PDB file of N, CA and C in Angstrom:
ATOM      1  N   UNK A   1     -20.017 -21.569  37.548  1.00  0.00           N
ATOM      2  CA  UNK A   1     -19.153 -20.479  36.676  1.00  0.00           C
ATOM      3  C   UNK A   1     -18.379 -19.462  37.980  1.00  0.00           C
ATOM      4  N   UNK A   2     -16.717 -18.987  37.784  1.00  0.00           N
ATOM      5  CA  UNK A   2     -16.043 -18.469  39.292  1.00  0.00           C
ATOM      6  C   UNK A   2     -16.414 -16.819  38.554  1.00  0.00           C
ATOM      7  N   UNK A   3     -16.257 -16.598  39.597  1.00  0.00           N
ATOM      8  CA  UNK A   3     -16.485 -14.734  40.094  1.00  0.00           C
ATOM      9  C   UNK A   3     -14.793 -14.206  39.590  1.00  0.00           C
ATOM     10  N   UNK A   4     -15.093 -13.141  39.024  1.00  0.00           N
ATOM     11  CA  UNK A   4     -13.386 -12.389  38.737  1.00  0.00           C
ATOM     12  C   UNK A   4     -13.720 -11.376  40.203  1.00  0.00           C
ATOM     13  N   UNK A   5     -12.175 -11.736  40.383  1.00  0.00           N
ATOM     14  CA  UNK A   5     -11.918 -10.283  41.790  1.00  0.00           C
ATOM     15  C   UNK A   5     -12.369  -9.398  41.659  1.00  0.00           C
ATOM     16  N   UNK A   6     -11.609  -8.382  42.668  1.00  0.00           N
ATOM     17  CA  UNK A   6     -11.577  -6.584  41.606  1.00  0.00           C
ATOM     18  C   UNK A   6     -10.294  -7.597  41.359  1.00  0.00           C
ATOM     19  N   UNK A   7      -9.164  -6.837  41.500  1.00  0.00           N
ATOM     20  CA  UNK A   7      -7.604  -7.215  41.354  1.00  0.00           C
ATOM     21  C   UNK A   7      -8.268  -7.193  39.827  1.00  0.00           C
ATOM     22  N   UNK A   8      -8.456  -8.349  38.962  1.00  0.00           N
ATOM     23  CA  UNK A   8      -9.169  -9.163  38.022  1.00  0.00           C
ATOM     24  C   UNK A   8      -9.704  -7.912  37.031  1.00  0.00           C
ATOM     25  N   UNK A   9     -11.165  -7.666  36.935  1.00  0.00           N
ATOM     26  CA  UNK A   9     -11.874  -6.558  36.299  1.00  0.00           C
ATOM     27  C   UNK A   9     -11.050  -5.390  36.555  1.00  0.00           C
ATOM     28  N   UNK A  10      -9.993  -4.757  37.541  1.00  0.00           N
ATOM     29  CA  UNK A  10      -9.205  -3.559  36.706  1.00  0.00           C
ATOM     30  C   UNK A  10      -8.551  -4.085  36.079  1.00  0.00           C
ATOM     31  N   UNK A  11      -7.563  -5.460  36.059  1.00  0.00           N
ATOM     32  CA  UNK A  11      -6.490  -5.590  34.981  1.00  0.00           C
ATOM     33  C   UNK A  11      -7.340  -5.652  33.173  1.00  0.00           C
ATOM     34  N   UNK A  12      -8.751  -5.839  33.178  1.00  0.00           N
ATOM     35  CA  UNK A  12      -9.487  -5.847  32.149  1.00  0.00           C
ATOM     36  C   UNK A  12     -10.369  -4.588  32.577  1.00  0.00           C
ATOM     37  N   UNK A  13     -10.518  -4.806  33.104  1.00  0.00           N
ATOM     38  CA  UNK A  13     -10.559  -2.959  32.058  1.00  0.00           C
ATOM     39  C   UNK A  13      -9.426  -1.546  31.522  1.00  0.00           C
ATOM     40  N   UNK A  14      -7.884  -2.678  32.296  1.00  0.00           N
ATOM     41  CA  UNK A  14      -7.057  -1.813  31.296  1.00  0.00           C
ATOM     42  C   UNK A  14      -6.634  -2.807  30.274  1.00  0.00           C
ATOM     43  N   UNK A  15      -6.492  -3.985  30.171  1.00  0.00           N
ATOM     44  CA  UNK A  15      -6.360  -4.456  29.229  1.00  0.00           C
ATOM     45  C   UNK A  15      -7.018  -4.703  28.149  1.00  0.00           C
ATOM     46  N   UNK A  16      -8.069  -4.092  28.526  1.00  0.00           N
ATOM     47  CA  UNK A  16      -9.037  -4.316  27.885  1.00  0.00           C
ATOM     48  C   UNK A  16      -8.919  -3.437  26.236  1.00  0.00           C
ATOM     49  N   UNK A  17      -8.793  -2.429  26.321  1.00  0.00           N
ATOM     50  CA  UNK A  17      -8.284  -0.999  26.038  1.00  0.00           C
ATOM     51  C   UNK A  17      -7.448  -1.691  24.869  1.00  0.00           C
ATOM     52  N   UNK A  18      -6.690  -1.445  25.609  1.00  0.00           N
ATOM     53  CA  UNK A  18      -5.089  -2.233  24.299  1.00  0.00           C
ATOM     54  C   UNK A  18      -5.414  -3.184  23.229  1.00  0.00           C
ATOM     55  N   UNK A  19      -6.150  -3.906  24.163  1.00  0.00           N
ATOM     56  CA  UNK A  19      -5.995  -5.059  22.749  1.00  0.00           C
ATOM     57  C   UNK A  19      -7.051  -4.934  21.496  1.00  0.00           C
ATOM     58  N   UNK A  20      -8.457  -4.567  22.307  1.00  0.00           N
ATOM     59  CA  UNK A  20      -8.879  -4.190  21.081  1.00  0.00           C
ATOM     60  C   UNK A  20      -7.944  -2.760  20.045  1.00  0.00           C
ATOM     61  N   UNK A  21      -7.167  -1.505  20.526  1.00  0.00           N
ATOM     62  CA  UNK A  21      -6.529  -1.099  19.552  1.00  0.00           C
ATOM     63  C   UNK A  21      -5.495  -1.861  18.822  1.00  0.00           C
ATOM     64  N   UNK A  22      -4.838  -2.910  19.539  1.00  0.00           N
ATOM     65  CA  UNK A  22      -3.944  -3.606  18.615  1.00  0.00           C
ATOM     66  C   UNK A  22      -4.890  -4.826  17.862  1.00  0.00           C
ATOM     67  N   UNK A  23      -6.057  -5.162  17.438  1.00  0.00           N
ATOM     68  CA  UNK A  23      -6.618  -5.710  16.733  1.00  0.00           C
ATOM     69  C   UNK A  23      -7.820  -4.788  15.858  1.00  0.00           C
ATOM     70  N   UNK A  24      -7.491  -3.594  16.227  1.00  0.00           N
ATOM     71  CA  UNK A  24      -8.008  -2.787  15.303  1.00  0.00           C
ATOM     72  C   UNK A  24      -6.786  -2.273  13.858  1.00  0.00           C
ATOM     73  N   UNK A  25      -6.016  -2.164  15.105  1.00  0.00           N
ATOM     74  CA  UNK A  25      -4.895  -1.352  14.077  1.00  0.00           C
ATOM     75  C   UNK A  25      -4.550  -3.595  12.564  1.00  0.00           C
ATOM     76  N   UNK A  26      -3.744  -4.659  13.726  1.00  0.00           N
ATOM     77  CA  UNK A  26      -4.235  -5.731  12.654  1.00  0.00           C
ATOM     78  C   UNK A  26      -5.018  -6.067  11.887  1.00  0.00           C
ATOM     79  N   UNK A  27      -6.409  -5.360  11.777  1.00  0.00           N
ATOM     80  CA  UNK A  27      -7.715  -5.976  10.620  1.00  0.00           C
ATOM     81  C   UNK A  27      -7.519  -4.384   9.770  1.00  0.00           C
ATOM     82  N   UNK A  28      -7.317  -3.056  10.801  1.00  0.00           N
ATOM     83  CA  UNK A  28      -6.977  -2.059   9.018  1.00  0.00           C
ATOM     84  C   UNK A  28      -5.843  -2.855   7.815  1.00  0.00           C
ATOM     85  N   UNK A  29      -4.646  -2.933   8.772  1.00  0.00           N
ATOM     86  CA  UNK A  29      -3.780  -3.974   7.986  1.00  0.00           C
ATOM     87  C   UNK A  29      -3.548  -4.337   6.800  1.00  0.00           C
ATOM     88  N   UNK A  30      -4.018  -5.480   7.823  1.00  0.00           N
ATOM     89  CA  UNK A  30      -4.743  -6.277   6.527  1.00  0.00           C
ATOM     90  C   UNK A  30      -5.303  -6.138   4.860  1.00  0.00           C
ATOM     91  N   UNK A  31      -6.550  -5.209   5.701  1.00  0.00           N
ATOM     92  CA  UNK A  31      -7.111  -4.197   4.765  1.00  0.00           C
ATOM     93  C   UNK A  31      -6.473  -3.554   3.292  1.00  0.00           C
ATOM     94  N   UNK A  32      -6.021  -3.123   3.944  1.00  0.00           N
ATOM     95  CA  UNK A  32      -4.657  -2.581   3.357  1.00  0.00           C
ATOM     96  C   UNK A  32      -3.754  -2.499   2.790  1.00  0.00           C
ATOM     97  N   UNK A  33      -3.101  -3.809   3.249  1.00  0.00           N
ATOM     98  CA  UNK A  33      -2.243  -4.981   2.564  1.00  0.00           C
ATOM     99  C   UNK A  33      -3.237  -5.574   1.598  1.00  0.00           C
ATOM    100  N   UNK A  34      -4.686  -5.932   1.682  1.00  0.00           N
ATOM    101  CA  UNK A  34      -4.794  -6.521   0.718  1.00  0.00           C
ATOM    102  C   UNK A  34      -4.916  -4.961  -0.176  1.00  0.00           C
ATOM    103  N   UNK A  35      -5.651  -3.784   0.238  1.00  0.00           N
ATOM    104  CA  UNK A  35      -5.950  -3.254  -1.045  1.00  0.00           C
ATOM    105  C   UNK A  35      -5.007  -2.833  -1.602  1.00  0.00           C
ATOM    106  N   UNK A  36      -3.906  -2.924  -1.462  1.00  0.00           N
ATOM    107  CA  UNK A  36      -1.951  -2.574  -2.713  1.00  0.00           C
ATOM    108  C   UNK A  36      -2.246  -3.633  -3.338  1.00  0.00           C
ATOM    109  N   UNK A  37      -2.289  -4.800  -2.193  1.00  0.00           N
ATOM    110  CA  UNK A  37      -2.030  -5.761  -3.151  1.00  0.00           C
ATOM    111  C   UNK A  37      -2.838  -6.259  -4.507  1.00  0.00           C
ATOM    112  N   UNK A  38      -4.221  -5.498  -4.238  1.00  0.00           N
ATOM    113  CA  UNK A  38      -5.641  -5.635  -5.538  1.00  0.00           C
ATOM    114  C   UNK A  38      -4.846  -4.523  -7.081  1.00  0.00           C
ATOM    115  N   UNK A  39      -3.894  -3.232  -5.338  1.00  0.00           N
ATOM    116  CA  UNK A  39      -3.900  -1.747  -6.480  1.00  0.00           C
ATOM    117  C   UNK A  39      -2.918  -2.097  -7.202  1.00  0.00           C
ATOM    118  N   UNK A  40      -1.961  -2.070  -6.547  1.00  0.00           N
ATOM    119  CA  UNK A  40      -0.589  -2.144  -7.247  1.00  0.00           C
ATOM    120  C   UNK A  40       0.416  -3.859  -7.133  1.00  0.00           C
ATOM    121  N   UNK A  41       0.328  -4.263  -8.672  1.00  0.00           N
ATOM    122  CA  UNK A  41       1.119  -4.999  -8.819  1.00  0.00           C
ATOM    123  C   UNK A  41       2.795  -5.284  -8.392  1.00  0.00           C
ATOM    124  N   UNK A  42       3.078  -6.890  -8.014  1.00  0.00           N
ATOM    125  CA  UNK A  42       4.619  -6.231  -7.384  1.00  0.00           C
ATOM    126  C   UNK A  42       5.470  -6.389  -8.707  1.00  0.00           C
ATOM    127  N   UNK A  43       6.237  -6.303  -8.093  1.00  0.00           N
ATOM    128  CA  UNK A  43       7.502  -5.412  -9.408  1.00  0.00           C
ATOM    129  C   UNK A  43       7.680  -6.979 -10.621  1.00  0.00           C
ATOM    130  N   UNK A  44       7.490  -8.281 -10.052  1.00  0.00           N
ATOM    131  CA  UNK A  44       8.076  -9.206 -10.747  1.00  0.00           C
ATOM    132  C   UNK A  44       7.113  -9.172 -12.247  1.00  0.00           C
ATOM    133  N   UNK A  45       6.139  -8.463 -11.580  1.00  0.00           N
ATOM    134  CA  UNK A  45       4.300  -8.379 -12.504  1.00  0.00           C
ATOM    135  C   UNK A  45       4.636  -6.782 -13.600  1.00  0.00           C
ATOM    136  N   UNK A  46       5.695  -5.877 -13.225  1.00  0.00           N
ATOM    137  CA  UNK A  46       5.770  -5.848 -14.110  1.00  0.00           C
ATOM    138  C   UNK A  46       6.690  -6.133 -15.605  1.00  0.00           C
ATOM    139  N   UNK A  47       6.510  -5.379 -16.020  1.00  0.00           N
ATOM    140  CA  UNK A  47       6.548  -5.679 -17.919  1.00  0.00           C
ATOM    141  C   UNK A  47       8.786  -4.607 -17.771  1.00  0.00           C
ATOM    142  N   UNK A  48       9.515  -4.807 -18.473  1.00  0.00           N
ATOM    143  CA  UNK A  48      10.836  -5.094 -18.320  1.00  0.00           C
ATOM    144  C   UNK A  48      11.033  -3.635 -19.419  1.00  0.00           C
ATOM    145  N   UNK A  49      10.218  -3.724 -20.168  1.00  0.00           N
ATOM    146  CA  UNK A  49      10.152  -1.919 -20.841  1.00  0.00           C
ATOM    147  C   UNK A  49       9.787  -0.792 -20.012  1.00  0.00           C
ATOM    148  N   UNK A  50       8.896  -1.762 -19.705  1.00  0.00           N
ATOM    149  CA  UNK A  50       7.374  -0.103 -19.315  1.00  0.00           C
ATOM    150  C   UNK A  50       8.848   0.558 -18.114  1.00  0.00           C
ATOM    151  N   UNK A  51       9.195  -0.623 -16.665  1.00  0.00           N
ATOM    152  CA  UNK A  51      10.336  -0.327 -16.269  1.00  0.00           C
ATOM    153  C   UNK A  51      11.701   1.124 -16.831  1.00  0.00           C
ATOM    154  N   UNK A  52      12.325   0.474 -17.280  1.00  0.00           N
ATOM    155  CA  UNK A  52      13.326   1.293 -18.612  1.00  0.00           C
ATOM    156  C   UNK A  52      12.412   2.640 -18.632  1.00  0.00           C
ATOM    157  N   UNK A  53      11.546   2.657 -19.537  1.00  0.00           N
ATOM    158  CA  UNK A  53      10.553   3.721 -20.087  1.00  0.00           C
ATOM    159  C   UNK A  53      10.713   4.343 -19.266  1.00  0.00           C
ATOM    160  N   UNK A  54      10.384   4.066 -17.298  1.00  0.00           N
ATOM    161  CA  UNK A  54      10.329   5.237 -16.210  1.00  0.00           C
ATOM    162  C   UNK A  54      11.895   5.872 -16.153  1.00  0.00           C
ATOM    163  N   UNK A  55      12.461   4.204 -15.768  1.00  0.00           N
ATOM    164  CA  UNK A  55      13.623   5.145 -15.440  1.00  0.00           C
ATOM    165  C   UNK A  55      14.651   6.060 -16.396  1.00  0.00           C
ATOM    166  N   UNK A  56      13.944   6.117 -17.416  1.00  0.00           N
ATOM    167  CA  UNK A  56      15.356   6.975 -18.900  1.00  0.00           C
ATOM    168  C   UNK A  56      14.222   8.204 -18.680  1.00  0.00           C
ATOM    169  N   UNK A  57      12.835   8.163 -18.303  1.00  0.00           N
ATOM    170  CA  UNK A  57      11.967   9.972 -17.760  1.00  0.00           C
ATOM    171  C   UNK A  57      13.010  10.652 -16.676  1.00  0.00           C
ATOM    172  N   UNK A  58      12.881   9.623 -15.395  1.00  0.00           N
ATOM    173  CA  UNK A  58      13.470   9.983 -14.143  1.00  0.00           C
ATOM    174  C   UNK A  58      14.833  10.699 -14.860  1.00  0.00           C
ATOM    175  N   UNK A  59      15.623  10.137 -15.692  1.00  0.00           N
ATOM    176  CA  UNK A  59      17.025  10.436 -15.738  1.00  0.00           C
ATOM    177  C   UNK A  59      16.773  11.476 -17.123  1.00  0.00           C
ATOM    178  N   UNK A  60      15.913  11.683 -17.670  1.00  0.00           N
ATOM    179  CA  UNK A  60      15.609  12.915 -18.351  1.00  0.00           C
ATOM    180  C   UNK A  60      15.755  14.037 -17.337  1.00  0.00           C
ATOM    181  N   UNK A  61      14.700  13.562 -16.786  1.00  0.00           N
ATOM    182  CA  UNK A  61      14.558  14.976 -15.941  1.00  0.00           C
ATOM    183  C   UNK A  61      15.202  15.434 -14.810  1.00  0.00           C
ATOM    184  N   UNK A  62      15.944  14.821 -14.369  1.00  0.00           N
ATOM    185  CA  UNK A  62      17.442  15.598 -14.204  1.00  0.00           C
ATOM    186  C   UNK A  62      18.301  15.544 -15.138  1.00  0.00           C
ATOM    187  N   UNK A  63      18.395  15.395 -15.898  1.00  0.00           N
ATOM    188  CA  UNK A  63      18.856  15.663 -16.854  1.00  0.00           C
ATOM    189  C   UNK A  63      19.059  17.328 -17.621  1.00  0.00           C
ATOM    190  N   UNK A  64      17.764  18.232 -17.501  1.00  0.00           N
ATOM    191  CA  UNK A  64      16.570  19.380 -16.838  1.00  0.00           C
ATOM    192  C   UNK A  64      16.143  18.892 -18.737  1.00  0.00           C
ATOM    193  N   UNK A  65      15.768  17.875 -18.891  1.00  0.00           N
ATOM    194  CA  UNK A  65      15.025  17.939 -19.915  1.00  0.00           C
ATOM    195  C   UNK A  65      13.365  17.208 -19.038  1.00  0.00           C
ATOM    196  N   UNK A  66      12.213  17.380 -19.680  1.00  0.00           N
ATOM    197  CA  UNK A  66      10.669  16.804 -19.461  1.00  0.00           C
ATOM    198  C   UNK A  66      10.091  16.988 -20.607  1.00  0.00           C
ATOM    199  N   UNK A  67       8.791  16.945 -20.591  1.00  0.00           N
ATOM    200  CA  UNK A  67       7.870  17.032 -22.332  1.00  0.00           C
ATOM    201  C   UNK A  67       6.557  17.146 -21.439  1.00  0.00           C
ATOM    202  N   UNK A  68       5.826  17.090 -22.034  1.00  0.00           N
ATOM    203  CA  UNK A  68       3.963  17.315 -21.556  1.00  0.00           C
ATOM    204  C   UNK A  68       3.318  17.113 -22.731  1.00  0.00           C
ATOM    205  N   UNK A  69       2.684  16.257 -21.523  1.00  0.00           N
ATOM    206  CA  UNK A  69       1.812  15.415 -22.835  1.00  0.00           C
ATOM    207  C   UNK A  69       0.489  14.667 -22.002  1.00  0.00           C
ATOM    208  N   UNK A  70      -0.509  14.821 -23.171  1.00  0.00           N
ATOM    209  CA  UNK A  70      -2.329  15.130 -22.634  1.00  0.00           C
ATOM    210  C   UNK A  70      -2.871  14.066 -22.235  1.00  0.00           C
ATOM    211  N   UNK A  71      -3.263  14.012 -21.017  1.00  0.00           N
ATOM    212  CA  UNK A  71      -3.639  13.013 -20.627  1.00  0.00           C
ATOM    213  C   UNK A  71      -3.768  11.298 -21.543  1.00  0.00           C
ATOM    214  N   UNK A  72      -4.283  12.024 -22.722  1.00  0.00           N
ATOM    215  CA  UNK A  72      -3.917  10.200 -23.845  1.00  0.00           C
ATOM    216  C   UNK A  72      -3.482  10.112 -24.472  1.00  0.00           C
ATOM    217  N   UNK A  73      -2.119  10.598 -24.654  1.00  0.00           N
ATOM    218  CA  UNK A  73      -0.824  10.298 -24.705  1.00  0.00           C
ATOM    219  C   UNK A  73       0.405  10.161 -23.765  1.00  0.00           C
ATOM    220  N   UNK A  74      -0.672  10.373 -22.674  1.00  0.00           N
ATOM    221  CA  UNK A  74       0.424   9.628 -21.475  1.00  0.00           C
ATOM    222  C   UNK A  74       0.411   8.232 -21.536  1.00  0.00           C
ATOM    223  N   UNK A  75      -1.043   8.050 -20.810  1.00  0.00           N
ATOM    224  CA  UNK A  75      -1.848   6.823 -21.236  1.00  0.00           C
ATOM    225  C   UNK A  75      -1.361   6.122 -21.738  1.00  0.00           C
ATOM    226  N   UNK A  76      -1.831   6.169 -23.609  1.00  0.00           N
ATOM    227  CA  UNK A  76      -0.375   5.703 -24.853  1.00  0.00           C
ATOM    228  C   UNK A  76       0.610   6.156 -24.415  1.00  0.00           C
ATOM    229  N   UNK A  77       1.499   6.362 -23.710  1.00  0.00           N
ATOM    230  CA  UNK A  77       3.547   6.488 -23.805  1.00  0.00           C
ATOM    231  C   UNK A  77       4.034   5.248 -22.170  1.00  0.00           C
ATOM    232  N   UNK A  78       2.808   4.754 -21.656  1.00  0.00           N
ATOM    233  CA  UNK A  78       3.416   4.728 -19.901  1.00  0.00           C
ATOM    234  C   UNK A  78       2.601   3.832 -19.284  1.00  0.00           C
ATOM    235  N   UNK A  79       0.854   2.814 -19.846  1.00  0.00           N
ATOM    236  CA  UNK A  79       0.841   2.666 -19.674  1.00  0.00           C
ATOM    237  C   UNK A  79       0.620   0.422 -19.842  1.00  0.00           C
ATOM    238  N   UNK A  80       1.234  -0.032 -19.313  1.00  0.00           N
ATOM    239  CA  UNK A  80       1.283  -1.411 -19.240  1.00  0.00           C
ATOM    240  C   UNK A  80       0.506  -1.914 -19.947  1.00  0.00           C
ATOM    241  N   UNK A  81       1.648  -2.587 -20.840  1.00  0.00           N
ATOM    242  CA  UNK A  81       0.750  -3.893 -21.647  1.00  0.00           C
ATOM    243  C   UNK A  81       0.227  -4.790 -21.381  1.00  0.00           C
ATOM    244  N   UNK A  82      -1.490  -5.669 -21.648  1.00  0.00           N
ATOM    245  CA  UNK A  82      -1.506  -7.061 -21.104  1.00  0.00           C
ATOM    246  C   UNK A  82      -1.328  -7.580 -22.351  1.00  0.00           C
ATOM    247  N   UNK A  83      -0.603  -8.835 -22.196  1.00  0.00           N
ATOM    248  CA  UNK A  83      -0.516 -10.055 -23.098  1.00  0.00           C
ATOM    249  C   UNK A  83      -1.879 -11.154 -22.738  1.00  0.00           C
TER     250      UNK A  83
END
């Protein structure tokens, strides 16, 4: 096996933490992306009527109108229906 020079060892000592941080970032980013995909469906999967309800609610709020909902009423009103 080939022996490393002092220069090579110093270079490795400088680069190792940078590579380690880069790998950690990539792993964490891929985990976050996978969790987001599982938690938040792509926009194409959200039904158009649900999007319209949300946009209408936003317009009402901007116009000074708002409603109060109980948790159950809100869930019933705004939950996406699965066919």
